[in-house]
Amino acid sequence: VEETRRARYDLARRYVELIIKYGHKARV
């Protein structure tokens, strides 16, 4: 969210991809 507010969409997109990856990996 912080990076999105700073208009750094590539970094924000990467963080969201990691969120999805961690959720799948840990089954959370």
mmCIF file of all heavy atoms, coordinates in Angstrom:
data_MODEL
# 
_entry.id   MODEL 
# 
loop_
_atom_site.group_PDB 
_atom_site.id 
_atom_site.type_symbol 
_atom_site.label_atom_id 
_atom_site.label_alt_id 
_atom_site.label_comp_id 
_atom_site.label_asym_id 
_atom_site.label_entity_id 
_atom_site.label_seq_id 
_atom_site.pdbx_PDB_ins_code 
_atom_site.Cartn_x 
_atom_site.Cartn_y 
_atom_site.Cartn_z 
_atom_site.occupancy 
_atom_site.B_iso_or_equiv 
_atom_site.pdbx_formal_charge 
_atom_site.auth_seq_id 
_atom_site.auth_comp_id 
_atom_site.auth_asym_id 
_atom_site.auth_atom_id 
_atom_site.pdbx_PDB_model_num 
ATOM 1   N N   . VAL A 1 1  ? 0.838  -1.200  0.000   1.00 0.00 ? 1  VAL A N   1 
ATOM 2   C CA  . VAL A 1 1  ? 0.000  0.000   0.000   1.00 0.00 ? 1  VAL A CA  1 
ATOM 3   C C   . VAL A 1 1  ? 0.876  1.256   0.000   1.00 0.00 ? 1  VAL A C   1 
ATOM 4   O O   . VAL A 1 1  ? 0.609  2.215   -0.736  1.00 0.00 ? 1  VAL A O   1 
ATOM 5   C CB  . VAL A 1 1  ? -0.968 -0.012  1.200   1.00 0.00 ? 1  VAL A CB  1 
ATOM 6   C CG1 . VAL A 1 1  ? -1.658 1.326   1.372   1.00 0.00 ? 1  VAL A CG1 1 
ATOM 7   C CG2 . VAL A 1 1  ? -1.999 -1.120  1.035   1.00 0.00 ? 1  VAL A CG2 1 
ATOM 8   N N   . GLU A 1 2  ? 1.934  1.251   0.798   1.00 0.00 ? 2  GLU A N   1 
ATOM 9   C CA  . GLU A 1 2  ? 2.852  2.401   0.822   1.00 0.00 ? 2  GLU A CA  1 
ATOM 10  C C   . GLU A 1 2  ? 3.472  2.646   -0.550  1.00 0.00 ? 2  GLU A C   1 
ATOM 11  O O   . GLU A 1 2  ? 3.543  3.790   -1.014  1.00 0.00 ? 2  GLU A O   1 
ATOM 12  C CB  . GLU A 1 2  ? 3.973  2.176   1.842   1.00 0.00 ? 2  GLU A CB  1 
ATOM 13  C CG  . GLU A 1 2  ? 3.571  2.336   3.275   1.00 0.00 ? 2  GLU A CG  1 
ATOM 14  C CD  . GLU A 1 2  ? 4.725  2.026   4.226   1.00 0.00 ? 2  GLU A CD  1 
ATOM 15  O OE1 . GLU A 1 2  ? 5.898  2.136   3.792   1.00 0.00 ? 2  GLU A OE1 1 
ATOM 16  O OE2 . GLU A 1 2  ? 4.444  1.677   5.375   1.00 0.00 ? 2  GLU A OE2 1 
ATOM 17  N N   . GLU A 1 3  ? 3.924  1.589   -1.199  1.00 0.00 ? 3  GLU A N   1 
ATOM 18  C CA  . GLU A 1 3  ? 4.571  1.731   -2.508  1.00 0.00 ? 3  GLU A CA  1 
ATOM 19  C C   . GLU A 1 3  ? 3.559  2.166   -3.571  1.00 0.00 ? 3  GLU A C   1 
ATOM 20  O O   . GLU A 1 3  ? 3.912  2.895   -4.495  1.00 0.00 ? 3  GLU A O   1 
ATOM 21  C CB  . GLU A 1 3  ? 5.261  0.423   -2.924  1.00 0.00 ? 3  GLU A CB  1 
ATOM 22  C CG  . GLU A 1 3  ? 6.404  0.029   -2.027  1.00 0.00 ? 3  GLU A CG  1 
ATOM 23  C CD  . GLU A 1 3  ? 7.485  1.091   -1.900  1.00 0.00 ? 3  GLU A CD  1 
ATOM 24  O OE1 . GLU A 1 3  ? 7.732  1.838   -2.870  1.00 0.00 ? 3  GLU A OE1 1 
ATOM 25  O OE2 . GLU A 1 3  ? 8.096  1.178   -0.821  1.00 0.00 ? 3  GLU A OE2 1 
ATOM 26  N N   . THR A 1 4  ? 2.319  1.747   -3.437  1.00 0.00 ? 4  THR A N   1 
ATOM 27  C CA  . THR A 1 4  ? 1.293  2.180   -4.378  1.00 0.00 ? 4  THR A CA  1 
ATOM 28  C C   . THR A 1 4  ? 1.052  3.676   -4.236  1.00 0.00 ? 4  THR A C   1 
ATOM 29  O O   . THR A 1 4  ? 0.897  4.393   -5.228  1.00 0.00 ? 4  THR A O   1 
ATOM 30  C CB  . THR A 1 4  ? -0.017 1.409   -4.139  1.00 0.00 ? 4  THR A CB  1 
ATOM 31  O OG1 . THR A 1 4  ? 0.239  0.011   -4.268  1.00 0.00 ? 4  THR A OG1 1 
ATOM 32  C CG2 . THR A 1 4  ? -1.078 1.806   -5.142  1.00 0.00 ? 4  THR A CG2 1 
ATOM 33  N N   . ARG A 1 5  ? 1.031  4.164   -2.997  1.00 0.00 ? 5  ARG A N   1 
ATOM 34  C CA  . ARG A 1 5  ? 0.844  5.604   -2.777  1.00 0.00 ? 5  ARG A CA  1 
ATOM 35  C C   . ARG A 1 5  ? 2.005  6.417   -3.333  1.00 0.00 ? 5  ARG A C   1 
ATOM 36  O O   . ARG A 1 5  ? 1.832  7.574   -3.694  1.00 0.00 ? 5  ARG A O   1 
ATOM 37  C CB  . ARG A 1 5  ? 0.677  5.882   -1.284  1.00 0.00 ? 5  ARG A CB  1 
ATOM 38  C CG  . ARG A 1 5  ? -0.660 5.415   -0.770  1.00 0.00 ? 5  ARG A CG  1 
ATOM 39  C CD  . ARG A 1 5  ? -1.030 6.073   0.537   1.00 0.00 ? 5  ARG A CD  1 
ATOM 40  N NE  . ARG A 1 5  ? -2.416 5.736   0.854   1.00 0.00 ? 5  ARG A NE  1 
ATOM 41  C CZ  . ARG A 1 5  ? -2.784 4.999   1.877   1.00 0.00 ? 5  ARG A CZ  1 
ATOM 42  N NH1 . ARG A 1 5  ? -1.880 4.532   2.716   1.00 0.00 ? 5  ARG A NH1 1 
ATOM 43  N NH2 . ARG A 1 5  ? -4.056 4.741   2.093   1.00 0.00 ? 5  ARG A NH2 1 
ATOM 44  N N   . ARG A 1 6  ? 3.192  5.813   -3.401  1.00 0.00 ? 6  ARG A N   1 
ATOM 45  C CA  . ARG A 1 6  ? 4.363  6.496   -3.967  1.00 0.00 ? 6  ARG A CA  1 
ATOM 46  C C   . ARG A 1 6  ? 4.454  6.291   -5.481  1.00 0.00 ? 6  ARG A C   1 
ATOM 47  O O   . ARG A 1 6  ? 5.457  6.669   -6.089  1.00 0.00 ? 6  ARG A O   1 
ATOM 48  C CB  . ARG A 1 6  ? 5.636  5.972   -3.317  1.00 0.00 ? 6  ARG A CB  1 
ATOM 49  C CG  . ARG A 1 6  ? 5.756  6.325   -1.864  1.00 0.00 ? 6  ARG A CG  1 
ATOM 50  C CD  . ARG A 1 6  ? 7.046  5.774   -1.304  1.00 0.00 ? 6  ARG A CD  1 
ATOM 51  N NE  . ARG A 1 6  ? 7.105  6.000   0.125   1.00 0.00 ? 6  ARG A NE  1 
ATOM 52  C CZ  . ARG A 1 6  ? 7.733  5.208   0.970   1.00 0.00 ? 6  ARG A CZ  1 
ATOM 53  N NH1 . ARG A 1 6  ? 8.370  4.134   0.537   1.00 0.00 ? 6  ARG A NH1 1 
ATOM 54  N NH2 . ARG A 1 6  ? 7.741  5.480   2.260   1.00 0.00 ? 6  ARG A NH2 1 
ATOM 55  N N   . ALA A 1 7  ? 3.466  5.633   -6.063  1.00 0.00 ? 7  ALA A N   1 
ATOM 56  C CA  . ALA A 1 7  ? 3.394  5.346   -7.513  1.00 0.00 ? 7  ALA A CA  1 
ATOM 57  C C   . ALA A 1 7  ? 4.496  4.403   -7.977  1.00 0.00 ? 7  ALA A C   1 
ATOM 58  O O   . ALA A 1 7  ? 4.925  4.453   -9.127  1.00 0.00 ? 7  ALA A O   1 
ATOM 59  C CB  . ALA A 1 7  ? 3.407  6.631   -8.327  1.00 0.00 ? 7  ALA A CB  1 
ATOM 60  N N   . ARG A 1 8  ? 4.953  3.529   -7.107  1.00 0.00 ? 8  ARG A N   1 
ATOM 61  C CA  . ARG A 1 8  ? 5.913  2.486   -7.487  1.00 0.00 ? 8  ARG A CA  1 
ATOM 62  C C   . ARG A 1 8  ? 5.134  1.184   -7.666  1.00 0.00 ? 8  ARG A C   1 
ATOM 63  O O   . ARG A 1 8  ? 5.153  0.293   -6.816  1.00 0.00 ? 8  ARG A O   1 
ATOM 64  C CB  . ARG A 1 8  ? 6.968  2.316   -6.401  1.00 0.00 ? 8  ARG A CB  1 
ATOM 65  C CG  . ARG A 1 8  ? 7.824  3.538   -6.196  1.00 0.00 ? 8  ARG A CG  1 
ATOM 66  C CD  . ARG A 1 8  ? 8.855  3.238   -5.134  1.00 0.00 ? 8  ARG A CD  1 
ATOM 67  N NE  . ARG A 1 8  ? 9.531  4.443   -4.695  1.00 0.00 ? 8  ARG A NE  1 
ATOM 68  C CZ  . ARG A 1 8  ? 10.215 4.513   -3.581  1.00 0.00 ? 8  ARG A CZ  1 
ATOM 69  N NH1 . ARG A 1 8  ? 10.315 3.472   -2.780  1.00 0.00 ? 8  ARG A NH1 1 
ATOM 70  N NH2 . ARG A 1 8  ? 10.816 5.632   -3.249  1.00 0.00 ? 8  ARG A NH2 1 
ATOM 71  N N   . TYR A 1 9  ? 4.455  1.085   -8.793  1.00 0.00 ? 9  TYR A N   1 
ATOM 72  C CA  . TYR A 1 9  ? 3.531  -0.032  -9.003  1.00 0.00 ? 9  TYR A CA  1 
ATOM 73  C C   . TYR A 1 9  ? 4.246  -1.370  -9.181  1.00 0.00 ? 9  TYR A C   1 
ATOM 74  O O   . TYR A 1 9  ? 3.704  -2.415  -8.808  1.00 0.00 ? 9  TYR A O   1 
ATOM 75  C CB  . TYR A 1 9  ? 2.631  0.252   -10.201 1.00 0.00 ? 9  TYR A CB  1 
ATOM 76  C CG  . TYR A 1 9  ? 1.731  1.449   -9.990  1.00 0.00 ? 9  TYR A CG  1 
ATOM 77  C CD1 . TYR A 1 9  ? 1.674  2.476   -10.911 1.00 0.00 ? 9  TYR A CD1 1 
ATOM 78  C CD2 . TYR A 1 9  ? 0.946  1.556   -8.848  1.00 0.00 ? 9  TYR A CD2 1 
ATOM 79  C CE1 . TYR A 1 9  ? 0.849  3.573   -10.714 1.00 0.00 ? 9  TYR A CE1 1 
ATOM 80  C CE2 . TYR A 1 9  ? 0.130  2.647   -8.637  1.00 0.00 ? 9  TYR A CE2 1 
ATOM 81  C CZ  . TYR A 1 9  ? 0.090  3.651   -9.575  1.00 0.00 ? 9  TYR A CZ  1 
ATOM 82  O OH  . TYR A 1 9  ? -0.718 4.718   -9.368  1.00 0.00 ? 9  TYR A OH  1 
ATOM 83  N N   . ASP A 1 10 ? 5.452  -1.367  -9.748  1.00 0.00 ? 10 ASP A N   1 
ATOM 84  C CA  . ASP A 1 10 ? 6.170  -2.629  -9.944  1.00 0.00 ? 10 ASP A CA  1 
ATOM 85  C C   . ASP A 1 10 ? 6.510  -3.284  -8.608  1.00 0.00 ? 10 ASP A C   1 
ATOM 86  O O   . ASP A 1 10 ? 6.335  -4.495  -8.432  1.00 0.00 ? 10 ASP A O   1 
ATOM 87  C CB  . ASP A 1 10 ? 7.453  -2.407  -10.742 1.00 0.00 ? 10 ASP A CB  1 
ATOM 88  C CG  . ASP A 1 10 ? 7.163  -1.991  -12.173 1.00 0.00 ? 10 ASP A CG  1 
ATOM 89  O OD1 . ASP A 1 10 ? 6.057  -2.292  -12.651 1.00 0.00 ? 10 ASP A OD1 1 
ATOM 90  O OD2 . ASP A 1 10 ? 8.047  -1.373  -12.795 1.00 0.00 ? 10 ASP A OD2 1 
ATOM 91  N N   . LEU A 1 11 ? 6.972  -2.473  -7.654  1.00 0.00 ? 11 LEU A N   1 
ATOM 92  C CA  . LEU A 1 11 ? 7.329  -2.998  -6.338  1.00 0.00 ? 11 LEU A CA  1 
ATOM 93  C C   . LEU A 1 11 ? 6.069  -3.449  -5.583  1.00 0.00 ? 11 LEU A C   1 
ATOM 94  O O   . LEU A 1 11 ? 6.069  -4.507  -4.945  1.00 0.00 ? 11 LEU A O   1 
ATOM 95  C CB  . LEU A 1 11 ? 8.081  -1.932  -5.550  1.00 0.00 ? 11 LEU A CB  1 
ATOM 96  C CG  . LEU A 1 11 ? 8.901  -2.380  -4.358  1.00 0.00 ? 11 LEU A CG  1 
ATOM 97  C CD1 . LEU A 1 11 ? 9.851  -3.499  -4.736  1.00 0.00 ? 11 LEU A CD1 1 
ATOM 98  C CD2 . LEU A 1 11 ? 9.670  -1.211  -3.783  1.00 0.00 ? 11 LEU A CD2 1 
ATOM 99  N N   . ALA A 1 12 ? 5.005  -2.677  -5.676  1.00 0.00 ? 12 ALA A N   1 
ATOM 100 C CA  . ALA A 1 12 ? 3.744  -3.046  -5.017  1.00 0.00 ? 12 ALA A CA  1 
ATOM 101 C C   . ALA A 1 12 ? 3.201  -4.350  -5.595  1.00 0.00 ? 12 ALA A C   1 
ATOM 102 O O   . ALA A 1 12 ? 2.725  -5.221  -4.853  1.00 0.00 ? 12 ALA A O   1 
ATOM 103 C CB  . ALA A 1 12 ? 2.718  -1.930  -5.188  1.00 0.00 ? 12 ALA A CB  1 
ATOM 104 N N   . ARG A 1 13 ? 3.308  -4.500  -6.901  1.00 0.00 ? 13 ARG A N   1 
ATOM 105 C CA  . ARG A 1 13 ? 2.837  -5.732  -7.557  1.00 0.00 ? 13 ARG A CA  1 
ATOM 106 C C   . ARG A 1 13 ? 3.647  -6.937  -7.070  1.00 0.00 ? 13 ARG A C   1 
ATOM 107 O O   . ARG A 1 13 ? 3.100  -8.005  -6.800  1.00 0.00 ? 13 ARG A O   1 
ATOM 108 C CB  . ARG A 1 13 ? 2.976  -5.565  -9.070  1.00 0.00 ? 13 ARG A CB  1 
ATOM 109 C CG  . ARG A 1 13 ? 2.406  -6.692  -9.862  1.00 0.00 ? 13 ARG A CG  1 
ATOM 110 C CD  . ARG A 1 13 ? 2.427  -6.395  -11.350 1.00 0.00 ? 13 ARG A CD  1 
ATOM 111 N NE  . ARG A 1 13 ? 1.388  -5.426  -11.665 1.00 0.00 ? 13 ARG A NE  1 
ATOM 112 C CZ  . ARG A 1 13 ? 1.613  -4.245  -12.236 1.00 0.00 ? 13 ARG A CZ  1 
ATOM 113 N NH1 . ARG A 1 13 ? 2.828  -3.880  -12.554 1.00 0.00 ? 13 ARG A NH1 1 
ATOM 114 N NH2 . ARG A 1 13 ? 0.615  -3.434  -12.507 1.00 0.00 ? 13 ARG A NH2 1 
ATOM 115 N N   . ARG A 1 14 ? 4.948  -6.744  -6.905  1.00 0.00 ? 14 ARG A N   1 
ATOM 116 C CA  . ARG A 1 14 ? 5.801  -7.834  -6.420  1.00 0.00 ? 14 ARG A CA  1 
ATOM 117 C C   . ARG A 1 14 ? 5.421  -8.240  -5.001  1.00 0.00 ? 14 ARG A C   1 
ATOM 118 O O   . ARG A 1 14 ? 5.390  -9.421  -4.668  1.00 0.00 ? 14 ARG A O   1 
ATOM 119 C CB  . ARG A 1 14 ? 7.273  -7.398  -6.483  1.00 0.00 ? 14 ARG A CB  1 
ATOM 120 C CG  . ARG A 1 14 ? 8.248  -8.411  -5.944  1.00 0.00 ? 14 ARG A CG  1 
ATOM 121 C CD  . ARG A 1 14 ? 8.282  -9.666  -6.769  1.00 0.00 ? 14 ARG A CD  1 
ATOM 122 N NE  . ARG A 1 14 ? 9.217  -10.604 -6.187  1.00 0.00 ? 14 ARG A NE  1 
ATOM 123 C CZ  . ARG A 1 14 ? 9.055  -11.915 -6.204  1.00 0.00 ? 14 ARG A CZ  1 
ATOM 124 N NH1 . ARG A 1 14 ? 8.031  -12.459 -6.810  1.00 0.00 ? 14 ARG A NH1 1 
ATOM 125 N NH2 . ARG A 1 14 ? 9.937  -12.698 -5.638  1.00 0.00 ? 14 ARG A NH2 1 
ATOM 126 N N   . TYR A 1 15 ? 5.130  -7.247  -4.151  1.00 0.00 ? 15 TYR A N   1 
ATOM 127 C CA  . TYR A 1 15 ? 4.720  -7.551  -2.779  1.00 0.00 ? 15 TYR A CA  1 
ATOM 128 C C   . TYR A 1 15 ? 3.427  -8.357  -2.754  1.00 0.00 ? 15 TYR A C   1 
ATOM 129 O O   . TYR A 1 15 ? 3.290  -9.307  -1.982  1.00 0.00 ? 15 TYR A O   1 
ATOM 130 C CB  . TYR A 1 15 ? 4.549  -6.267  -1.968  1.00 0.00 ? 15 TYR A CB  1 
ATOM 131 C CG  . TYR A 1 15 ? 5.840  -5.563  -1.634  1.00 0.00 ? 15 TYR A CG  1 
ATOM 132 C CD1 . TYR A 1 15 ? 5.875  -4.183  -1.506  1.00 0.00 ? 15 TYR A CD1 1 
ATOM 133 C CD2 . TYR A 1 15 ? 7.024  -6.253  -1.441  1.00 0.00 ? 15 TYR A CD2 1 
ATOM 134 C CE1 . TYR A 1 15 ? 7.059  -3.516  -1.190  1.00 0.00 ? 15 TYR A CE1 1 
ATOM 135 C CE2 . TYR A 1 15 ? 8.204  -5.609  -1.131  1.00 0.00 ? 15 TYR A CE2 1 
ATOM 136 C CZ  . TYR A 1 15 ? 8.211  -4.244  -1.004  1.00 0.00 ? 15 TYR A CZ  1 
ATOM 137 O OH  . TYR A 1 15 ? 9.378  -3.603  -0.693  1.00 0.00 ? 15 TYR A OH  1 
ATOM 138 N N   . VAL A 1 16 ? 2.476  -7.996  -3.608  1.00 0.00 ? 16 VAL A N   1 
ATOM 139 C CA  . VAL A 1 16 ? 1.206  -8.740  -3.645  1.00 0.00 ? 16 VAL A CA  1 
ATOM 140 C C   . VAL A 1 16 ? 1.440  -10.160 -4.158  1.00 0.00 ? 16 VAL A C   1 
ATOM 141 O O   . VAL A 1 16 ? 0.847  -11.121 -3.659  1.00 0.00 ? 16 VAL A O   1 
ATOM 142 C CB  . VAL A 1 16 ? 0.156  -7.994  -4.489  1.00 0.00 ? 16 VAL A CB  1 
ATOM 143 C CG1 . VAL A 1 16 ? -1.084 -8.849  -4.686  1.00 0.00 ? 16 VAL A CG1 1 
ATOM 144 C CG2 . VAL A 1 16 ? -0.217 -6.676  -3.817  1.00 0.00 ? 16 VAL A CG2 1 
ATOM 145 N N   . GLU A 1 17 ? 2.314  -10.313 -5.131  1.00 0.00 ? 17 GLU A N   1 
ATOM 146 C CA  . GLU A 1 17 ? 2.639  -11.664 -5.619  1.00 0.00 ? 17 GLU A CA  1 
ATOM 147 C C   . GLU A 1 17 ? 3.252  -12.506 -4.500  1.00 0.00 ? 17 GLU A C   1 
ATOM 148 O O   . GLU A 1 17 ? 2.964  -13.705 -4.379  1.00 0.00 ? 17 GLU A O   1 
ATOM 149 C CB  . GLU A 1 17 ? 3.577  -11.585 -6.815  1.00 0.00 ? 17 GLU A CB  1 
ATOM 150 C CG  . GLU A 1 17 ? 2.896  -11.083 -8.069  1.00 0.00 ? 17 GLU A CG  1 
ATOM 151 C CD  . GLU A 1 17 ? 3.863  -10.772 -9.197  1.00 0.00 ? 17 GLU A CD  1 
ATOM 152 O OE1 . GLU A 1 17 ? 5.100  -10.879 -8.993  1.00 0.00 ? 17 GLU A OE1 1 
ATOM 153 O OE2 . GLU A 1 17 ? 3.380  -10.402 -10.274 1.00 0.00 ? 17 GLU A OE2 1 
ATOM 154 N N   . LEU A 1 18 ? 4.106  -11.881 -3.669  1.00 0.00 ? 18 LEU A N   1 
ATOM 155 C CA  . LEU A 1 18 ? 4.685  -12.612 -2.535  1.00 0.00 ? 18 LEU A CA  1 
ATOM 156 C C   . LEU A 1 18 ? 3.621  -12.986 -1.509  1.00 0.00 ? 18 LEU A C   1 
ATOM 157 O O   . LEU A 1 18 ? 3.683  -14.068 -0.912  1.00 0.00 ? 18 LEU A O   1 
ATOM 158 C CB  . LEU A 1 18 ? 5.788  -11.777 -1.878  1.00 0.00 ? 18 LEU A CB  1 
ATOM 159 C CG  . LEU A 1 18 ? 7.101  -11.673 -2.637  1.00 0.00 ? 18 LEU A CG  1 
ATOM 160 C CD1 . LEU A 1 18 ? 8.023  -10.679 -1.953  1.00 0.00 ? 18 LEU A CD1 1 
ATOM 161 C CD2 . LEU A 1 18 ? 7.758  -13.032 -2.734  1.00 0.00 ? 18 LEU A CD2 1 
ATOM 162 N N   . ILE A 1 19 ? 2.649  -12.103 -1.306  1.00 0.00 ? 19 ILE A N   1 
ATOM 163 C CA  . ILE A 1 19 ? 1.540  -12.410 -0.384  1.00 0.00 ? 19 ILE A CA  1 
ATOM 164 C C   . ILE A 1 19 ? 0.814  -13.662 -0.851  1.00 0.00 ? 19 ILE A C   1 
ATOM 165 O O   . ILE A 1 19 ? 0.547  -14.576 -0.062  1.00 0.00 ? 19 ILE A O   1 
ATOM 166 C CB  . ILE A 1 19 ? 0.565  -11.216 -0.308  1.00 0.00 ? 19 ILE A CB  1 
ATOM 167 C CG1 . ILE A 1 19 ? 1.191  -10.071 0.478   1.00 0.00 ? 19 ILE A CG1 1 
ATOM 168 C CG2 . ILE A 1 19 ? -0.768 -11.635 0.309   1.00 0.00 ? 19 ILE A CG2 1 
ATOM 169 C CD1 . ILE A 1 19 ? 0.406  -8.781  0.402   1.00 0.00 ? 19 ILE A CD1 1 
ATOM 170 N N   . ILE A 1 20 ? 0.515  -13.722 -2.134  1.00 0.00 ? 20 ILE A N   1 
ATOM 171 C CA  . ILE A 1 20 ? -0.191 -14.889 -2.688  1.00 0.00 ? 20 ILE A CA  1 
ATOM 172 C C   . ILE A 1 20 ? 0.665  -16.142 -2.549  1.00 0.00 ? 20 ILE A C   1 
ATOM 173 O O   . ILE A 1 20 ? 0.180  -17.212 -2.158  1.00 0.00 ? 20 ILE A O   1 
ATOM 174 C CB  . ILE A 1 20 ? -0.563 -14.619 -4.159  1.00 0.00 ? 20 ILE A CB  1 
ATOM 175 C CG1 . ILE A 1 20 ? -1.560 -13.462 -4.237  1.00 0.00 ? 20 ILE A CG1 1 
ATOM 176 C CG2 . ILE A 1 20 ? -1.134 -15.864 -4.813  1.00 0.00 ? 20 ILE A CG2 1 
ATOM 177 C CD1 . ILE A 1 20 ? -1.747 -12.904 -5.630  1.00 0.00 ? 20 ILE A CD1 1 
ATOM 178 N N   . LYS A 1 21 ? 1.955  -15.999 -2.832  1.00 0.00 ? 21 LYS A N   1 
ATOM 179 C CA  . LYS A 1 21 ? 2.879  -17.140 -2.745  1.00 0.00 ? 21 LYS A CA  1 
ATOM 180 C C   . LYS A 1 21 ? 2.979  -17.668 -1.310  1.00 0.00 ? 21 LYS A C   1 
ATOM 181 O O   . LYS A 1 21 ? 2.910  -18.877 -1.080  1.00 0.00 ? 21 LYS A O   1 
ATOM 182 C CB  . LYS A 1 21 ? 4.248  -16.697 -3.248  1.00 0.00 ? 21 LYS A CB  1 
ATOM 183 C CG  . LYS A 1 21 ? 5.270  -17.780 -3.346  1.00 0.00 ? 21 LYS A CG  1 
ATOM 184 C CD  . LYS A 1 21 ? 6.559  -17.209 -3.924  1.00 0.00 ? 21 LYS A CD  1 
ATOM 185 C CE  . LYS A 1 21 ? 7.667  -18.213 -3.898  1.00 0.00 ? 21 LYS A CE  1 
ATOM 186 N NZ  . LYS A 1 21 ? 8.924  -17.630 -4.381  1.00 0.00 ? 21 LYS A NZ  1 
ATOM 187 N N   . TYR A 1 22 ? 3.125  -16.750 -0.331  1.00 0.00 ? 22 TYR A N   1 
ATOM 188 C CA  . TYR A 1 22 ? 3.202  -17.178 1.074   1.00 0.00 ? 22 TYR A CA  1 
ATOM 189 C C   . TYR A 1 22 ? 1.910  -17.855 1.520   1.00 0.00 ? 22 TYR A C   1 
ATOM 190 O O   . TYR A 1 22 ? 1.929  -18.828 2.267   1.00 0.00 ? 22 TYR A O   1 
ATOM 191 C CB  . TYR A 1 22 ? 3.489  -15.990 1.998   1.00 0.00 ? 22 TYR A CB  1 
ATOM 192 C CG  . TYR A 1 22 ? 4.919  -15.545 2.021   1.00 0.00 ? 22 TYR A CG  1 
ATOM 193 C CD1 . TYR A 1 22 ? 5.232  -14.189 2.126   1.00 0.00 ? 22 TYR A CD1 1 
ATOM 194 C CD2 . TYR A 1 22 ? 5.967  -16.440 1.948   1.00 0.00 ? 22 TYR A CD2 1 
ATOM 195 C CE1 . TYR A 1 22 ? 6.547  -13.757 2.153   1.00 0.00 ? 22 TYR A CE1 1 
ATOM 196 C CE2 . TYR A 1 22 ? 7.278  -16.019 1.968   1.00 0.00 ? 22 TYR A CE2 1 
ATOM 197 C CZ  . TYR A 1 22 ? 7.560  -14.684 2.079   1.00 0.00 ? 22 TYR A CZ  1 
ATOM 198 O OH  . TYR A 1 22 ? 8.855  -14.259 2.100   1.00 0.00 ? 22 TYR A OH  1 
ATOM 199 N N   . GLY A 1 23 ? 0.794  -17.329 1.066   1.00 0.00 ? 23 GLY A N   1 
ATOM 200 C CA  . GLY A 1 23 ? -0.491 -17.929 1.435   1.00 0.00 ? 23 GLY A CA  1 
ATOM 201 C C   . GLY A 1 23 ? -0.631 -19.352 0.927   1.00 0.00 ? 23 GLY A C   1 
ATOM 202 O O   . GLY A 1 23 ? -1.076 -20.241 1.653   1.00 0.00 ? 23 GLY A O   1 
ATOM 203 N N   . HIS A 1 24 ? -0.230 -19.574 -0.328  1.00 0.00 ? 24 HIS A N   1 
ATOM 204 C CA  . HIS A 1 24 ? -0.304 -20.922 -0.893  1.00 0.00 ? 24 HIS A CA  1 
ATOM 205 C C   . HIS A 1 24 ? 0.673  -21.873 -0.205  1.00 0.00 ? 24 HIS A C   1 
ATOM 206 O O   . HIS A 1 24 ? 0.332  -23.010 0.113   1.00 0.00 ? 24 HIS A O   1 
ATOM 207 C CB  . HIS A 1 24 ? -0.015 -20.899 -2.391  1.00 0.00 ? 24 HIS A CB  1 
ATOM 208 C CG  . HIS A 1 24 ? -1.125 -20.340 -3.209  1.00 0.00 ? 24 HIS A CG  1 
ATOM 209 N ND1 . HIS A 1 24 ? -2.403 -20.837 -3.198  1.00 0.00 ? 24 HIS A ND1 1 
ATOM 210 C CD2 . HIS A 1 24 ? -1.153 -19.292 -4.069  1.00 0.00 ? 24 HIS A CD2 1 
ATOM 211 C CE1 . HIS A 1 24 ? -3.170 -20.149 -4.003  1.00 0.00 ? 24 HIS A CE1 1 
ATOM 212 N NE2 . HIS A 1 24 ? -2.433 -19.188 -4.544  1.00 0.00 ? 24 HIS A NE2 1 
ATOM 213 N N   . LYS A 1 25 ? 1.879  -21.372 0.003   1.00 0.00 ? 25 LYS A N   1 
ATOM 214 C CA  . LYS A 1 25 ? 2.925  -22.228 0.569   1.00 0.00 ? 25 LYS A CA  1 
ATOM 215 C C   . LYS A 1 25 ? 2.586  -22.690 1.988   1.00 0.00 ? 25 LYS A C   1 
ATOM 216 O O   . LYS A 1 25 ? 2.767  -23.857 2.326   1.00 0.00 ? 25 LYS A O   1 
ATOM 217 C CB  . LYS A 1 25 ? 4.253  -21.447 0.577   1.00 0.00 ? 25 LYS A CB  1 
ATOM 218 C CG  . LYS A 1 25 ? 5.444  -22.241 0.965   1.00 0.00 ? 25 LYS A CG  1 
ATOM 219 C CD  . LYS A 1 25 ? 5.993  -22.981 -0.206  1.00 0.00 ? 25 LYS A CD  1 
ATOM 220 C CE  . LYS A 1 25 ? 7.309  -23.632 0.166   1.00 0.00 ? 25 LYS A CE  1 
ATOM 221 N NZ  . LYS A 1 25 ? 7.800  -24.496 -0.889  1.00 0.00 ? 25 LYS A NZ  1 
ATOM 222 N N   . ALA A 1 26 ? 2.065  -21.768 2.801   1.00 0.00 ? 26 ALA A N   1 
ATOM 223 C CA  . ALA A 1 26 ? 1.767  -22.102 4.195   1.00 0.00 ? 26 ALA A CA  1 
ATOM 224 C C   . ALA A 1 26 ? 0.334  -22.591 4.380   1.00 0.00 ? 26 ALA A C   1 
ATOM 225 O O   . ALA A 1 26 ? -0.060 -22.902 5.497   1.00 0.00 ? 26 ALA A O   1 
ATOM 226 C CB  . ALA A 1 26 ? 2.004  -20.879 5.076   1.00 0.00 ? 26 ALA A CB  1 
ATOM 227 N N   . ARG A 1 27 ? -0.430 -22.635 3.287   1.00 0.00 ? 27 ARG A N   1 
ATOM 228 C CA  . ARG A 1 27 ? -1.846 -23.023 3.345   1.00 0.00 ? 27 ARG A CA  1 
ATOM 229 C C   . ARG A 1 27 ? -2.613 -22.137 4.326   1.00 0.00 ? 27 ARG A C   1 
ATOM 230 O O   . ARG A 1 27 ? -3.333 -22.622 5.203   1.00 0.00 ? 27 ARG A O   1 
ATOM 231 C CB  . ARG A 1 27 ? -2.007 -24.486 3.715   1.00 0.00 ? 27 ARG A CB  1 
ATOM 232 C CG  . ARG A 1 27 ? -1.484 -25.413 2.669   1.00 0.00 ? 27 ARG A CG  1 
ATOM 233 C CD  . ARG A 1 27 ? -1.750 -26.839 3.052   1.00 0.00 ? 27 ARG A CD  1 
ATOM 234 N NE  . ARG A 1 27 ? -1.202 -27.737 2.059   1.00 0.00 ? 27 ARG A NE  1 
ATOM 235 C CZ  . ARG A 1 27 ? -1.221 -29.034 2.178   1.00 0.00 ? 27 ARG A CZ  1 
ATOM 236 N NH1 . ARG A 1 27 ? -1.757 -29.594 3.232   1.00 0.00 ? 27 ARG A NH1 1 
ATOM 237 N NH2 . ARG A 1 27 ? -0.711 -29.795 1.239   1.00 0.00 ? 27 ARG A NH2 1 
ATOM 238 N N   . VAL A 1 28 ? -2.409 -20.836 4.173   1.00 0.00 ? 28 VAL A N   1 
ATOM 239 C CA  . VAL A 1 28 ? -3.036 -19.841 5.040   1.00 0.00 ? 28 VAL A CA  1 
ATOM 240 C C   . VAL A 1 28 ? -3.914 -18.952 4.185   1.00 0.00 ? 28 VAL A C   1 
ATOM 241 O O   . VAL A 1 28 ? -3.522 -18.542 3.092   1.00 0.00 ? 28 VAL A O   1 
ATOM 242 C CB  . VAL A 1 28 ? -1.959 -18.973 5.742   1.00 0.00 ? 28 VAL A CB  1 
ATOM 243 C CG1 . VAL A 1 28 ? -2.583 -17.811 6.472   1.00 0.00 ? 28 VAL A CG1 1 
ATOM 244 C CG2 . VAL A 1 28 ? -1.145 -19.810 6.694   1.00 0.00 ? 28 VAL A CG2 1 
# 
